[in-house]
Amino acid sequence: MTRPTSAEPAPVDPVAPPDPSVAALAHDLRMACMRVSRRVRFETTTQLAPHQFSVLVRLSERPCSAGELADRERVSAPSMSRTVAALVERGFVQRTADSADGRVVVLSLSPLGERVLAQERAQRDAWMAVRLERLSAADRALLRRATGVLEQVVDR
């Protein structure tokens, strides 16, 4: 399976141009999501780059191999190997041999990685919570519903 990289854009169907209102929504929504993501990263004191944070989140879900992580994160195997090596070096991730197949290396969070991930999540969530508290109850309910819709967009 080939994955688009930052240098290789995802294929676009040239035959079916998007509805202009949908194209405008796509642009506006993408830009808003990027701005929120960027602000969360830069407004919180962080020990982790975004791609490292994402790997720790994945490993908190379940231990897995670097190849599985690369597939789930949609990055190349060499890129994931570099990310994992940096996280292992910092003591956030540990490597162990798979009990069923000793040739396979299983990655998991170390106790330090679990603590760092919890701190990162708390800081990022606190930043967002402060801003959400400033919204009306109706706007928060709208965002609650929109979160589910965005998850559907991402999962398709």
N, C-alpha and C. Protein backbone atom coordinates (compact mmCIF):
# COMPACT_ATOMS: atom_id res chain seq x y z
N MET A 1 0.84 -1.17 0.00
CA MET A 1 0.00 0.00 0.00
C MET A 1 0.88 1.24 0.00
N THR A 2 0.66 2.13 -0.95
CA THR A 2 1.44 3.36 -1.03
C THR A 2 0.71 4.47 -0.29
N ARG A 3 1.47 5.22 0.46
CA ARG A 3 0.90 6.31 1.22
C ARG A 3 1.39 7.63 0.63
N PRO A 4 0.52 8.63 0.54
CA PRO A 4 1.00 9.94 0.13
C PRO A 4 1.92 10.50 1.21
N THR A 5 2.97 11.17 0.80
CA THR A 5 3.86 11.85 1.73
C THR A 5 3.65 13.34 1.56
N SER A 6 4.35 14.13 2.35
CA SER A 6 4.19 15.57 2.22
C SER A 6 4.63 16.04 0.84
N ALA A 7 5.55 15.33 0.20
CA ALA A 7 6.01 15.70 -1.13
C ALA A 7 5.10 15.13 -2.21
N GLU A 8 4.27 14.19 -1.88
CA GLU A 8 3.40 13.51 -2.85
C GLU A 8 1.95 13.67 -2.41
N PRO A 9 1.23 14.61 -3.06
CA PRO A 9 -0.15 14.85 -2.63
C PRO A 9 -1.05 13.66 -2.93
N ALA A 10 -2.12 13.57 -2.15
CA ALA A 10 -3.11 12.51 -2.37
C ALA A 10 -3.76 12.73 -3.73
N PRO A 11 -4.09 11.65 -4.43
CA PRO A 11 -4.71 11.81 -5.75
C PRO A 11 -6.07 12.48 -5.65
N VAL A 12 -6.36 13.32 -6.62
CA VAL A 12 -7.64 14.02 -6.70
C VAL A 12 -8.31 13.58 -7.99
N ASP A 13 -9.60 13.33 -7.91
CA ASP A 13 -10.35 12.93 -9.10
C ASP A 13 -10.54 14.15 -9.99
N PRO A 14 -9.82 14.22 -11.15
CA PRO A 14 -9.91 15.40 -11.99
C PRO A 14 -11.23 15.48 -12.77
N VAL A 15 -11.99 14.40 -12.82
CA VAL A 15 -13.22 14.36 -13.59
C VAL A 15 -14.37 15.03 -12.85
N ALA A 16 -14.41 14.90 -11.55
CA ALA A 16 -15.53 15.41 -10.77
C ALA A 16 -15.10 16.59 -9.91
N PRO A 17 -15.22 17.83 -10.43
CA PRO A 17 -14.85 18.98 -9.59
C PRO A 17 -15.82 19.09 -8.42
N PRO A 18 -15.29 19.46 -7.25
CA PRO A 18 -16.18 19.55 -6.08
C PRO A 18 -17.16 20.70 -6.23
N ASP A 19 -18.28 20.54 -5.59
CA ASP A 19 -19.27 21.61 -5.50
C ASP A 19 -18.56 22.81 -4.86
N PRO A 20 -18.69 24.02 -5.42
CA PRO A 20 -17.97 25.18 -4.87
C PRO A 20 -18.22 25.42 -3.38
N SER A 21 -19.45 25.19 -2.91
CA SER A 21 -19.71 25.42 -1.49
C SER A 21 -19.02 24.36 -0.63
N VAL A 22 -18.95 23.13 -1.14
CA VAL A 22 -18.24 22.07 -0.42
C VAL A 22 -16.74 22.35 -0.43
N ALA A 23 -16.23 22.81 -1.56
CA ALA A 23 -14.80 23.14 -1.65
C ALA A 23 -14.45 24.26 -0.68
N ALA A 24 -15.31 25.27 -0.57
CA ALA A 24 -15.06 26.37 0.37
C ALA A 24 -15.10 25.88 1.81
N LEU A 25 -16.08 25.02 2.12
CA LEU A 25 -16.16 24.44 3.47
C LEU A 25 -14.91 23.61 3.77
N ALA A 26 -14.49 22.82 2.79
CA ALA A 26 -13.29 21.99 2.97
C ALA A 26 -12.08 22.86 3.31
N HIS A 27 -11.93 23.93 2.57
CA HIS A 27 -10.80 24.84 2.82
C HIS A 27 -10.90 25.48 4.21
N ASP A 28 -12.06 26.05 4.52
CA ASP A 28 -12.23 26.74 5.80
C ASP A 28 -12.05 25.80 6.98
N LEU A 29 -12.62 24.60 6.88
CA LEU A 29 -12.52 23.63 7.96
C LEU A 29 -11.08 23.16 8.14
N ARG A 30 -10.41 22.88 7.03
CA ARG A 30 -9.01 22.44 7.10
C ARG A 30 -8.14 23.52 7.73
N MET A 31 -8.34 24.76 7.34
CA MET A 31 -7.55 25.85 7.90
C MET A 31 -7.84 26.04 9.40
N ALA A 32 -9.10 25.94 9.79
CA ALA A 32 -9.44 26.08 11.21
C ALA A 32 -8.80 24.96 12.03
N CYS A 33 -8.86 23.74 11.52
CA CYS A 33 -8.25 22.60 12.24
C CYS A 33 -6.75 22.80 12.36
N MET A 34 -6.11 23.26 11.29
CA MET A 34 -4.66 23.49 11.33
C MET A 34 -4.31 24.57 12.36
N ARG A 35 -5.11 25.64 12.40
CA ARG A 35 -4.83 26.72 13.34
C ARG A 35 -5.00 26.25 14.78
N VAL A 36 -6.04 25.48 15.05
CA VAL A 36 -6.24 24.95 16.40
C VAL A 36 -5.07 24.06 16.78
N SER A 37 -4.70 23.15 15.89
CA SER A 37 -3.59 22.24 16.17
C SER A 37 -2.30 23.01 16.43
N ARG A 38 -2.02 23.98 15.61
CA ARG A 38 -0.80 24.77 15.75
C ARG A 38 -0.82 25.54 17.08
N ARG A 39 -1.94 26.16 17.42
CA ARG A 39 -2.03 26.92 18.66
C ARG A 39 -1.84 26.01 19.88
N VAL A 40 -2.45 24.84 19.87
CA VAL A 40 -2.29 23.92 21.00
C VAL A 40 -0.82 23.56 21.16
N ARG A 41 -0.16 23.28 20.04
CA ARG A 41 1.26 22.92 20.11
C ARG A 41 2.13 24.05 20.63
N PHE A 42 1.89 25.27 20.15
CA PHE A 42 2.78 26.38 20.48
C PHE A 42 2.41 27.09 21.78
N GLU A 43 1.19 26.96 22.22
CA GLU A 43 0.76 27.64 23.44
C GLU A 43 1.03 26.81 24.69
N THR A 44 1.34 25.55 24.53
CA THR A 44 1.63 24.70 25.69
C THR A 44 3.12 24.40 25.71
N THR A 45 3.67 24.29 26.91
CA THR A 45 5.07 23.92 27.01
C THR A 45 5.13 22.41 26.82
N THR A 46 5.84 22.01 25.80
CA THR A 46 5.81 20.60 25.43
C THR A 46 7.20 20.01 25.39
N GLN A 47 7.28 18.76 25.73
CA GLN A 47 8.53 18.01 25.65
C GLN A 47 8.61 17.22 24.35
N LEU A 48 7.51 17.20 23.61
CA LEU A 48 7.41 16.31 22.46
C LEU A 48 7.03 17.04 21.18
N ALA A 49 7.63 16.62 20.09
CA ALA A 49 7.20 17.08 18.77
C ALA A 49 5.85 16.41 18.47
N PRO A 50 5.04 17.00 17.60
CA PRO A 50 3.72 16.43 17.32
C PRO A 50 3.75 14.96 16.90
N HIS A 51 4.70 14.59 16.04
CA HIS A 51 4.76 13.19 15.60
C HIS A 51 5.15 12.25 16.75
N GLN A 52 5.96 12.73 17.68
CA GLN A 52 6.32 11.91 18.83
C GLN A 52 5.13 11.74 19.76
N PHE A 53 4.39 12.82 19.97
CA PHE A 53 3.19 12.76 20.80
C PHE A 53 2.21 11.74 20.21
N SER A 54 2.03 11.79 18.91
CA SER A 54 1.09 10.88 18.25
C SER A 54 1.51 9.42 18.43
N VAL A 55 2.80 9.14 18.36
CA VAL A 55 3.28 7.76 18.56
C VAL A 55 3.02 7.31 19.99
N LEU A 56 3.26 8.18 20.97
CA LEU A 56 2.99 7.81 22.35
C LEU A 56 1.50 7.53 22.57
N VAL A 57 0.65 8.32 21.93
CA VAL A 57 -0.79 8.08 22.04
C VAL A 57 -1.13 6.72 21.47
N ARG A 58 -0.58 6.40 20.30
CA ARG A 58 -0.84 5.08 19.68
C ARG A 58 -0.38 3.95 20.60
N LEU A 59 0.80 4.11 21.18
CA LEU A 59 1.32 3.05 22.06
C LEU A 59 0.54 2.95 23.37
N SER A 60 -0.12 4.03 23.76
CA SER A 60 -0.96 3.95 24.97
C SER A 60 -2.20 3.11 24.70
N GLU A 61 -2.59 3.01 23.43
CA GLU A 61 -3.75 2.19 23.05
C GLU A 61 -3.39 0.72 23.13
N ARG A 62 -2.19 0.38 22.64
CA ARG A 62 -1.69 -1.00 22.71
C ARG A 62 -0.27 -1.06 22.19
N PRO A 63 0.55 -1.95 22.75
CA PRO A 63 1.90 -2.14 22.23
C PRO A 63 1.83 -2.68 20.80
N CYS A 64 2.82 -2.33 19.98
CA CYS A 64 2.86 -2.84 18.61
C CYS A 64 4.26 -2.67 18.04
N SER A 65 4.45 -3.16 16.83
CA SER A 65 5.75 -3.06 16.16
C SER A 65 5.88 -1.70 15.47
N ALA A 66 7.11 -1.37 15.08
CA ALA A 66 7.34 -0.11 14.37
C ALA A 66 6.61 -0.12 13.03
N GLY A 67 6.55 -1.27 12.38
CA GLY A 67 5.83 -1.37 11.11
C GLY A 67 4.35 -1.08 11.27
N GLU A 68 3.75 -1.61 12.34
CA GLU A 68 2.33 -1.32 12.62
C GLU A 68 2.13 0.17 12.89
N LEU A 69 3.04 0.75 13.65
CA LEU A 69 2.94 2.19 13.94
C LEU A 69 3.03 3.00 12.65
N ALA A 70 3.97 2.63 11.78
CA ALA A 70 4.13 3.35 10.51
C ALA A 70 2.84 3.28 9.71
N ASP A 71 2.23 2.10 9.65
CA ASP A 71 0.96 1.96 8.92
C ASP A 71 -0.14 2.81 9.55
N ARG A 72 -0.24 2.74 10.86
CA ARG A 72 -1.31 3.48 11.55
C ARG A 72 -1.12 4.99 11.45
N GLU A 73 0.12 5.43 11.45
CA GLU A 73 0.42 6.87 11.36
C GLU A 73 0.58 7.32 9.90
N ARG A 74 0.56 6.39 8.99
CA ARG A 74 0.69 6.67 7.55
C ARG A 74 1.98 7.41 7.22
N VAL A 75 3.07 6.85 7.75
CA VAL A 75 4.41 7.38 7.45
C VAL A 75 5.28 6.22 6.98
N SER A 76 6.44 6.54 6.44
CA SER A 76 7.35 5.50 5.96
C SER A 76 7.98 4.77 7.14
N ALA A 77 8.41 3.55 6.89
CA ALA A 77 9.08 2.76 7.93
C ALA A 77 10.36 3.45 8.43
N PRO A 78 11.21 3.99 7.52
CA PRO A 78 12.41 4.68 8.02
C PRO A 78 12.08 5.89 8.91
N SER A 79 11.05 6.63 8.54
CA SER A 79 10.65 7.78 9.35
C SER A 79 10.20 7.33 10.74
N MET A 80 9.41 6.26 10.79
CA MET A 80 8.95 5.75 12.08
C MET A 80 10.12 5.22 12.89
N SER A 81 11.07 4.57 12.24
CA SER A 81 12.25 4.06 12.95
C SER A 81 13.00 5.19 13.64
N ARG A 82 13.14 6.33 12.95
CA ARG A 82 13.84 7.48 13.56
C ARG A 82 13.04 8.02 14.75
N THR A 83 11.73 8.11 14.60
CA THR A 83 10.89 8.61 15.69
C THR A 83 10.99 7.69 16.90
N VAL A 84 10.87 6.39 16.65
CA VAL A 84 10.94 5.41 17.75
C VAL A 84 12.30 5.47 18.42
N ALA A 85 13.37 5.55 17.62
CA ALA A 85 14.72 5.59 18.20
C ALA A 85 14.87 6.79 19.14
N ALA A 86 14.33 7.94 18.74
CA ALA A 86 14.41 9.14 19.58
C ALA A 86 13.61 8.95 20.87
N LEU A 87 12.45 8.31 20.78
CA LEU A 87 11.63 8.08 21.97
C LEU A 87 12.25 7.04 22.90
N VAL A 88 12.89 6.04 22.34
CA VAL A 88 13.60 5.03 23.15
C VAL A 88 14.78 5.70 23.86
N GLU A 89 15.52 6.52 23.11
CA GLU A 89 16.68 7.21 23.67
C GLU A 89 16.30 8.10 24.85
N ARG A 90 15.13 8.71 24.77
CA ARG A 90 14.67 9.59 25.85
C ARG A 90 14.02 8.80 26.99
N GLY A 91 13.86 7.50 26.82
CA GLY A 91 13.31 6.65 27.88
C GLY A 91 11.80 6.60 27.90
N PHE A 92 11.13 7.09 26.85
CA PHE A 92 9.68 7.11 26.80
C PHE A 92 9.08 5.82 26.26
N VAL A 93 9.85 5.10 25.47
CA VAL A 93 9.37 3.87 24.82
C VAL A 93 10.38 2.77 25.11
N GLN A 94 9.87 1.56 25.30
CA GLN A 94 10.76 0.40 25.50
C GLN A 94 10.51 -0.63 24.42
N ARG A 95 11.58 -1.33 24.08
CA ARG A 95 11.53 -2.39 23.08
C ARG A 95 11.65 -3.73 23.80
N THR A 96 10.81 -4.69 23.38
CA THR A 96 10.92 -6.07 23.89
C THR A 96 10.70 -7.02 22.74
N ALA A 97 11.24 -8.22 22.87
CA ALA A 97 11.03 -9.24 21.85
C ALA A 97 9.62 -9.80 21.99
N ASP A 98 8.99 -10.05 20.85
CA ASP A 98 7.65 -10.64 20.84
C ASP A 98 7.74 -12.05 21.41
N SER A 99 6.82 -12.41 22.30
CA SER A 99 6.86 -13.73 22.94
C SER A 99 6.58 -14.84 21.92
N ALA A 100 5.80 -14.56 20.89
CA ALA A 100 5.47 -15.58 19.89
C ALA A 100 6.54 -15.68 18.81
N ASP A 101 7.22 -14.57 18.50
CA ASP A 101 8.23 -14.54 17.44
C ASP A 101 9.35 -13.61 17.89
N GLY A 102 10.43 -14.16 18.36
CA GLY A 102 11.55 -13.39 18.90
C GLY A 102 12.19 -12.45 17.91
N ARG A 103 11.92 -12.61 16.62
CA ARG A 103 12.48 -11.70 15.61
C ARG A 103 11.73 -10.38 15.57
N VAL A 104 10.52 -10.35 16.10
CA VAL A 104 9.69 -9.15 16.07
C VAL A 104 9.92 -8.34 17.35
N VAL A 105 10.13 -7.04 17.19
CA VAL A 105 10.31 -6.15 18.33
C VAL A 105 8.98 -5.46 18.61
N VAL A 106 8.55 -5.57 19.85
CA VAL A 106 7.30 -4.93 20.27
C VAL A 106 7.65 -3.65 21.03
N LEU A 107 6.97 -2.57 20.68
CA LEU A 107 7.19 -1.28 21.32
C LEU A 107 6.06 -1.01 22.30
N SER A 108 6.41 -0.46 23.45
CA SER A 108 5.40 -0.10 24.44
C SER A 108 5.88 1.13 25.20
N LEU A 109 4.95 1.78 25.87
CA LEU A 109 5.31 2.92 26.69
C LEU A 109 6.06 2.45 27.93
N SER A 110 7.08 3.18 28.29
CA SER A 110 7.75 2.95 29.57
C SER A 110 6.95 3.69 30.63
N PRO A 111 7.22 3.43 31.89
CA PRO A 111 6.55 4.21 32.94
C PRO A 111 6.78 5.72 32.78
N LEU A 112 8.00 6.11 32.38
CA LEU A 112 8.28 7.52 32.13
C LEU A 112 7.45 8.03 30.96
N GLY A 113 7.34 7.23 29.90
CA GLY A 113 6.53 7.61 28.74
C GLY A 113 5.07 7.80 29.12
N GLU A 114 4.56 6.94 29.99
CA GLU A 114 3.17 7.08 30.45
C GLU A 114 2.98 8.39 31.20
N ARG A 115 3.95 8.75 32.05
CA ARG A 115 3.85 10.01 32.81
C ARG A 115 3.93 11.22 31.88
N VAL A 116 4.88 11.19 30.95
CA VAL A 116 5.04 12.31 30.02
C VAL A 116 3.79 12.47 29.15
N LEU A 117 3.25 11.36 28.69
CA LEU A 117 2.03 11.41 27.88
C LEU A 117 0.87 12.00 28.68
N ALA A 118 0.73 11.59 29.92
CA ALA A 118 -0.34 12.12 30.77
C ALA A 118 -0.16 13.63 30.98
N GLN A 119 1.07 14.08 31.20
CA GLN A 119 1.34 15.51 31.38
C GLN A 119 1.02 16.29 30.10
N GLU A 120 1.45 15.75 28.97
CA GLU A 120 1.20 16.42 27.68
C GLU A 120 -0.30 16.53 27.42
N ARG A 121 -1.01 15.45 27.63
CA ARG A 121 -2.46 15.46 27.41
C ARG A 121 -3.13 16.48 28.32
N ALA A 122 -2.72 16.50 29.58
CA ALA A 122 -3.33 17.43 30.55
C ALA A 122 -3.08 18.88 30.14
N GLN A 123 -1.87 19.20 29.71
CA GLN A 123 -1.56 20.57 29.29
C GLN A 123 -2.37 20.96 28.06
N ARG A 124 -2.41 20.09 27.08
CA ARG A 124 -3.13 20.40 25.83
C ARG A 124 -4.63 20.50 26.09
N ASP A 125 -5.16 19.58 26.91
CA ASP A 125 -6.59 19.63 27.22
C ASP A 125 -6.93 20.87 28.04
N ALA A 126 -6.07 21.27 28.95
CA ALA A 126 -6.32 22.45 29.77
C ALA A 126 -6.36 23.70 28.89
N TRP A 127 -5.45 23.79 27.92
CA TRP A 127 -5.44 24.94 27.01
C TRP A 127 -6.79 25.02 26.28
N MET A 128 -7.25 23.89 25.78
CA MET A 128 -8.51 23.87 25.03
C MET A 128 -9.69 24.12 25.97
N ALA A 129 -9.68 23.55 27.15
CA ALA A 129 -10.80 23.70 28.08
C ALA A 129 -11.03 25.16 28.45
N VAL A 130 -9.96 25.91 28.65
CA VAL A 130 -10.09 27.33 28.98
C VAL A 130 -10.85 28.05 27.87
N ARG A 131 -10.53 27.74 26.63
CA ARG A 131 -11.20 28.39 25.50
C ARG A 131 -12.64 27.92 25.34
N LEU A 132 -12.89 26.64 25.60
CA LEU A 132 -14.24 26.12 25.47
C LEU A 132 -15.16 26.68 26.55
N GLU A 133 -14.62 26.94 27.74
CA GLU A 133 -15.42 27.51 28.81
C GLU A 133 -15.96 28.89 28.46
N ARG A 134 -15.28 29.58 27.55
CA ARG A 134 -15.69 30.93 27.15
C ARG A 134 -16.86 30.90 26.16
N LEU A 135 -17.16 29.73 25.62
CA LEU A 135 -18.24 29.59 24.65
C LEU A 135 -19.58 29.37 25.35
N SER A 136 -20.64 29.62 24.62
CA SER A 136 -21.97 29.35 25.17
C SER A 136 -22.19 27.84 25.23
N ALA A 137 -23.15 27.45 26.03
CA ALA A 137 -23.51 26.03 26.14
C ALA A 137 -23.94 25.49 24.77
N ALA A 138 -24.64 26.30 24.00
CA ALA A 138 -25.08 25.87 22.67
C ALA A 138 -23.90 25.64 21.74
N ASP A 139 -22.89 26.53 21.79
CA ASP A 139 -21.71 26.36 20.94
C ASP A 139 -20.91 25.12 21.37
N ARG A 140 -20.82 24.88 22.67
CA ARG A 140 -20.11 23.68 23.14
C ARG A 140 -20.84 22.43 22.68
N ALA A 141 -22.17 22.43 22.72
CA ALA A 141 -22.95 21.28 22.24
C ALA A 141 -22.72 21.08 20.74
N LEU A 142 -22.66 22.16 20.00
CA LEU A 142 -22.39 22.08 18.56
C LEU A 142 -21.01 21.46 18.31
N LEU A 143 -20.02 21.89 19.06
CA LEU A 143 -18.67 21.33 18.91
C LEU A 143 -18.63 19.86 19.31
N ARG A 144 -19.42 19.49 20.32
CA ARG A 144 -19.50 18.09 20.72
C ARG A 144 -19.99 17.24 19.55
N ARG A 145 -21.03 17.70 18.88
CA ARG A 145 -21.58 16.99 17.72
C ARG A 145 -20.58 17.02 16.55
N ALA A 146 -19.95 18.16 16.34
CA ALA A 146 -19.00 18.30 15.24
C ALA A 146 -17.79 17.38 15.43
N THR A 147 -17.41 17.14 16.67
CA THR A 147 -16.28 16.23 16.94
C THR A 147 -16.57 14.84 16.38
N GLY A 148 -17.77 14.35 16.58
CA GLY A 148 -18.15 13.05 16.03
C GLY A 148 -18.12 13.06 14.51
N VAL A 149 -18.58 14.13 13.91
CA VAL A 149 -18.58 14.23 12.45
C VAL A 149 -17.14 14.27 11.93
N LEU A 150 -16.28 15.02 12.61
CA LEU A 150 -14.87 15.08 12.19
C LEU A 150 -14.20 13.72 12.29
N GLU A 151 -14.53 12.96 13.32
CA GLU A 151 -13.98 11.60 13.45
C GLU A 151 -14.41 10.76 12.24
N GLN A 152 -15.63 10.91 11.79
CA GLN A 152 -16.09 10.19 10.61
C GLN A 152 -15.31 10.61 9.37
N VAL A 153 -15.06 11.91 9.22
CA VAL A 153 -14.30 12.41 8.08
C VAL A 153 -12.90 11.80 8.07
N VAL A 154 -12.27 11.77 9.21
CA VAL A 154 -10.90 11.25 9.31
C VAL A 154 -10.85 9.74 9.06
N ASP A 155 -11.86 9.02 9.53
CA ASP A 155 -11.85 7.57 9.44
C ASP A 155 -12.22 7.04 8.06
N ARG A 156 -12.71 7.88 7.19
CA ARG A 156 -13.10 7.41 5.85
C ARG A 156 -11.96 7.36 4.90
